[in-house]
Amino acid sequence: MKHLILLCSIGAVLSSAAAQEMVMQRDMQTEAAAAAQEGLSSLKRILEVEGQAEYLGLDSAKDLVGAELGTPYPVLLLRLDHLRAYGGGDPREVFTQTGHMLYPVERSGATKALIRVAPIDGEMKTVEVGLPNVARNLTKASTAAQERYDVASGGVYYVEALALNMDFVAVESGGDVLMSPVSAAVMLDMEIGDFQDAETILRRLQVLSENIDPDVPR
């Protein structure tokens, strides 16, 4: 009987911990969305200043009239040391969660810009706005993935390989992870929207990483 009570107590604690984790994730998502909405308002105000639209790579402030936020991309980091240590298997283990989110700014079916939010001092805040070229390329790659594969709900990520000066879209489909460059990757002979399984790409990136000095700032 004591064992039964103990097992029930452990189950209750685990269930409570899981519930708390779900609440924390939901609160973080709510905070991230609010921060991104604030960032969108700030971006619109910035574009009202002459010359700022061109500086940010946008045609004009009219680009964002009636714009709304799209589904965000969680940002993952591909660290150089983790890449070099990768021995095959589940590629998810190589990526580091950053807590950052990229929100596409959409208008009339087109992605005009991105808003990046990140946890700072325990709060989600906007840290970057604009990036129209990355926005278009990211949308192009993720759209290509969803047209070709059965992409899991919430299974599209933005991956930064800072040491290699490269970025990717990673998608989960049928238990597999596929990756495509967000900008033309000459060294990989891949274009935006070209997908390969993540393990293959990671192996190829490992070869490229051999010539990188980790002590040189990038």
Protein backbone atom coordinates (compact mmCIF):
# COMPACT_ATOMS: atom_id res chain seq x y z
CA MET A 1 0.00 0.00 0.00
CA LYS A 2 2.85 2.35 0.86
CA HIS A 3 4.46 1.60 -2.51
CA LEU A 4 1.19 2.42 -4.25
CA ILE A 5 0.87 5.71 -2.42
CA LEU A 6 4.51 6.55 -3.23
CA LEU A 7 4.05 5.76 -6.93
CA CYS A 8 0.89 7.84 -7.05
CA SER A 9 2.73 10.71 -5.39
CA ILE A 10 5.60 10.51 -7.90
CA GLY A 11 3.10 10.40 -10.76
CA ALA A 12 1.33 13.45 -9.40
CA VAL A 13 4.62 15.35 -9.08
CA LEU A 14 5.63 14.46 -12.66
CA SER A 15 2.21 15.44 -13.99
CA SER A 16 2.40 18.71 -12.09
CA ALA A 17 5.90 19.41 -13.45
CA ALA A 18 4.75 18.68 -17.01
CA ALA A 19 1.74 20.94 -16.56
CA GLN A 20 3.94 23.74 -15.20
CA GLU A 21 6.29 23.34 -18.19
CA MET A 22 3.35 23.63 -20.59
CA VAL A 23 2.12 26.76 -18.82
CA MET A 24 5.62 28.29 -18.94
CA GLN A 25 5.93 27.55 -22.66
CA ARG A 26 2.50 29.01 -23.35
CA ASP A 27 3.34 32.15 -21.35
CA MET A 28 6.64 32.49 -23.23
CA GLN A 29 4.86 32.17 -26.57
CA THR A 30 2.33 34.81 -25.49
CA GLU A 31 5.15 37.14 -24.41
CA ALA A 32 7.04 36.52 -27.65
CA ALA A 33 3.97 37.34 -29.75
CA ALA A 34 3.36 40.52 -27.76
CA ALA A 35 7.01 41.57 -28.15
CA ALA A 36 6.86 40.90 -31.90
CA GLN A 37 3.66 42.94 -32.22
CA GLU A 38 5.38 45.77 -30.41
CA GLY A 39 8.33 45.37 -32.76
CA LEU A 40 6.02 45.62 -35.77
CA SER A 41 4.57 48.87 -34.45
CA SER A 42 8.10 50.21 -33.89
CA LEU A 43 9.13 49.17 -37.40
CA LYS A 44 6.19 51.04 -38.90
CA ARG A 45 7.15 54.17 -36.94
CA ILE A 46 10.78 53.86 -38.05
CA LEU A 47 9.73 53.69 -41.69
CA GLU A 48 7.95 57.02 -41.37
CA VAL A 49 11.37 58.68 -41.06
CA GLU A 50 12.76 59.62 -44.46
CA GLY A 51 15.46 57.28 -45.69
CA GLN A 52 14.84 54.53 -43.14
CA ALA A 53 12.88 52.30 -45.53
CA GLU A 54 15.78 52.19 -47.96
CA TYR A 55 18.24 51.65 -45.09
CA LEU A 56 16.26 48.58 -43.97
CA GLY A 57 15.99 47.27 -47.52
CA LEU A 58 12.29 48.03 -47.95
CA ASP A 59 10.79 49.99 -50.83
CA SER A 60 8.81 52.36 -48.65
CA ALA A 61 6.69 52.65 -45.53
CA LYS A 62 3.75 51.55 -47.71
CA ASP A 63 5.30 48.06 -47.72
CA LEU A 64 3.95 47.53 -44.23
CA VAL A 65 0.50 49.11 -44.52
CA GLY A 66 -1.90 46.45 -43.30
CA ALA A 67 0.97 44.04 -42.56
CA GLU A 68 0.49 41.27 -40.02
CA LEU A 69 2.73 38.80 -38.21
CA GLY A 70 2.97 35.27 -39.58
CA THR A 71 3.83 31.99 -37.89
CA PRO A 72 7.17 32.36 -36.09
CA TYR A 73 10.30 30.30 -36.66
CA PRO A 74 12.13 29.09 -33.54
CA VAL A 75 15.84 29.89 -33.89
CA LEU A 76 18.38 27.11 -33.39
CA LEU A 77 22.15 27.49 -33.18
CA LEU A 78 24.60 25.11 -34.84
CA ARG A 79 27.68 25.52 -32.69
CA LEU A 80 31.07 24.75 -34.20
CA ASP A 81 32.14 22.45 -31.34
CA HIS A 82 28.86 20.52 -31.50
CA LEU A 83 29.14 20.19 -35.27
CA ARG A 84 32.69 18.84 -35.06
CA ALA A 85 31.68 16.38 -32.34
CA TYR A 86 28.69 15.07 -34.30
CA GLY A 87 29.04 11.34 -34.86
CA GLY A 88 25.84 10.67 -36.74
CA GLY A 89 22.37 9.80 -35.55
CA ASP A 90 19.63 12.21 -34.52
CA PRO A 91 20.65 15.67 -35.83
CA ARG A 92 18.37 17.34 -33.27
CA GLU A 93 21.02 16.65 -30.65
CA VAL A 94 23.46 18.94 -32.45
CA PHE A 95 21.28 22.03 -32.42
CA THR A 96 21.10 24.40 -29.46
CA GLN A 97 17.84 26.07 -28.49
CA THR A 98 18.33 29.86 -28.29
CA GLY A 99 14.89 30.96 -27.12
CA HIS A 100 14.84 33.42 -30.04
CA MET A 101 11.90 33.59 -32.45
CA LEU A 102 11.74 35.05 -35.96
CA TYR A 103 8.35 36.48 -36.91
CA PRO A 104 7.67 37.08 -40.60
CA VAL A 105 5.95 40.36 -41.42
CA GLU A 106 3.40 39.55 -44.13
CA ARG A 107 1.36 41.73 -46.43
CA SER A 108 -0.81 40.64 -49.37
CA GLY A 109 0.64 37.13 -49.32
CA ALA A 110 4.25 38.31 -49.42
CA THR A 111 6.84 38.34 -46.64
CA LYS A 112 8.26 41.83 -46.30
CA ALA A 113 10.50 41.66 -43.25
CA LEU A 114 11.38 39.77 -40.09
CA ILE A 115 11.13 40.66 -36.42
CA ARG A 116 13.42 38.84 -34.04
CA VAL A 117 12.50 38.52 -30.39
CA ALA A 118 14.73 37.10 -27.67
CA PRO A 119 14.69 36.55 -23.91
CA ILE A 120 16.48 39.41 -22.16
CA ASP A 121 16.52 39.66 -18.37
CA GLY A 122 13.65 37.21 -18.17
CA GLU A 123 11.45 39.03 -20.70
CA MET A 124 10.86 38.56 -24.42
CA LYS A 125 11.94 41.67 -26.30
CA THR A 126 12.42 42.73 -29.92
CA VAL A 127 16.13 42.73 -30.75
CA GLU A 128 16.15 43.07 -34.56
CA VAL A 129 13.81 44.27 -37.30
CA GLY A 130 13.99 44.42 -41.09
CA LEU A 131 16.07 41.71 -42.85
CA PRO A 132 13.87 41.71 -46.00
CA ASN A 133 16.23 39.48 -48.03
CA VAL A 134 16.44 36.85 -45.30
CA ALA A 135 12.66 37.11 -44.89
CA ARG A 136 12.01 36.38 -48.55
CA ASN A 137 14.54 33.54 -48.70
CA LEU A 138 13.30 31.98 -45.48
CA THR A 139 9.74 32.02 -46.77
CA LYS A 140 10.84 30.59 -50.13
CA ALA A 141 12.63 27.67 -48.47
CA SER A 142 9.92 26.90 -45.92
CA THR A 143 7.20 27.10 -48.61
CA ALA A 144 9.16 24.68 -50.79
CA ALA A 145 9.38 22.25 -47.89
CA GLN A 146 5.67 22.39 -47.14
CA GLU A 147 4.83 21.83 -50.81
CA ARG A 148 7.02 18.73 -51.06
CA TYR A 149 6.90 17.15 -47.62
CA ASP A 150 4.44 16.37 -44.87
CA VAL A 151 5.86 18.93 -42.46
CA ALA A 152 4.94 18.47 -38.81
CA SER A 153 2.95 21.25 -37.16
CA GLY A 154 5.42 23.70 -35.68
CA GLY A 155 8.22 21.74 -37.32
CA VAL A 156 9.95 24.53 -39.25
CA TYR A 157 13.08 26.11 -37.73
CA TYR A 158 15.67 28.72 -38.61
CA VAL A 159 19.21 27.42 -38.03
CA GLU A 160 22.21 29.71 -37.66
CA ALA A 161 25.70 28.32 -38.27
CA LEU A 162 27.53 31.47 -37.26
CA ALA A 163 31.06 30.06 -37.47
CA LEU A 164 30.40 29.05 -41.07
CA ASN A 165 28.54 32.27 -41.89
CA MET A 166 25.61 30.18 -43.15
CA ASP A 167 21.95 29.80 -42.25
CA PHE A 168 19.38 27.12 -42.97
CA VAL A 169 15.77 26.10 -42.71
CA ALA A 170 15.28 22.80 -40.89
CA VAL A 171 11.98 20.94 -41.12
CA GLU A 172 10.64 17.85 -39.41
CA SER A 173 8.78 15.43 -41.65
CA GLY A 174 7.78 11.88 -40.81
CA GLY A 175 10.33 11.71 -38.01
CA ASP A 176 13.14 12.90 -40.29
CA VAL A 177 14.91 16.26 -40.29
CA LEU A 178 15.62 17.96 -43.63
CA MET A 179 17.66 21.11 -44.24
CA SER A 180 17.95 23.74 -46.95
CA PRO A 181 20.17 26.84 -47.12
CA VAL A 182 18.45 30.20 -46.69
CA SER A 183 20.99 31.81 -49.00
CA ALA A 184 22.72 30.21 -51.96
CA ALA A 185 25.36 27.86 -50.51
CA VAL A 186 28.06 27.72 -53.17
CA MET A 187 30.31 25.50 -51.05
CA LEU A 188 27.47 22.96 -50.74
CA ASP A 189 26.34 23.38 -54.35
CA MET A 190 22.80 24.00 -53.09
CA GLU A 191 20.21 26.65 -53.84
CA ILE A 192 17.46 28.03 -51.63
CA GLY A 193 14.74 25.39 -51.39
CA ASP A 194 17.07 22.47 -52.16
CA PHE A 195 16.57 20.01 -49.30
CA GLN A 196 18.73 17.15 -48.10
CA ASP A 197 18.52 15.06 -44.97
CA ALA A 198 20.13 16.86 -42.05
CA GLU A 199 22.70 14.16 -41.35
CA THR A 200 24.10 14.47 -44.89
CA ILE A 201 24.34 18.25 -44.62
CA LEU A 202 25.94 18.10 -41.19
CA ARG A 203 28.56 15.68 -42.52
CA ARG A 204 29.32 18.08 -45.37
CA LEU A 205 29.52 21.02 -42.98
CA GLN A 206 31.95 19.09 -40.82
CA VAL A 207 34.36 18.98 -43.76
CA LEU A 208 34.00 22.74 -44.26
CA SER A 209 34.55 23.34 -40.55
CA GLU A 210 38.04 21.79 -40.64
CA ASN A 211 39.53 25.03 -41.97
CA ILE A 212 37.86 27.30 -39.42
CA ASP A 213 39.82 28.71 -36.49
CA PRO A 214 37.38 28.85 -33.55
CA ASP A 215 39.46 31.62 -31.93
CA VAL A 216 38.93 34.03 -34.81
CA PRO A 217 35.86 36.24 -34.14
CA ARG A 218 33.13 35.97 -36.78
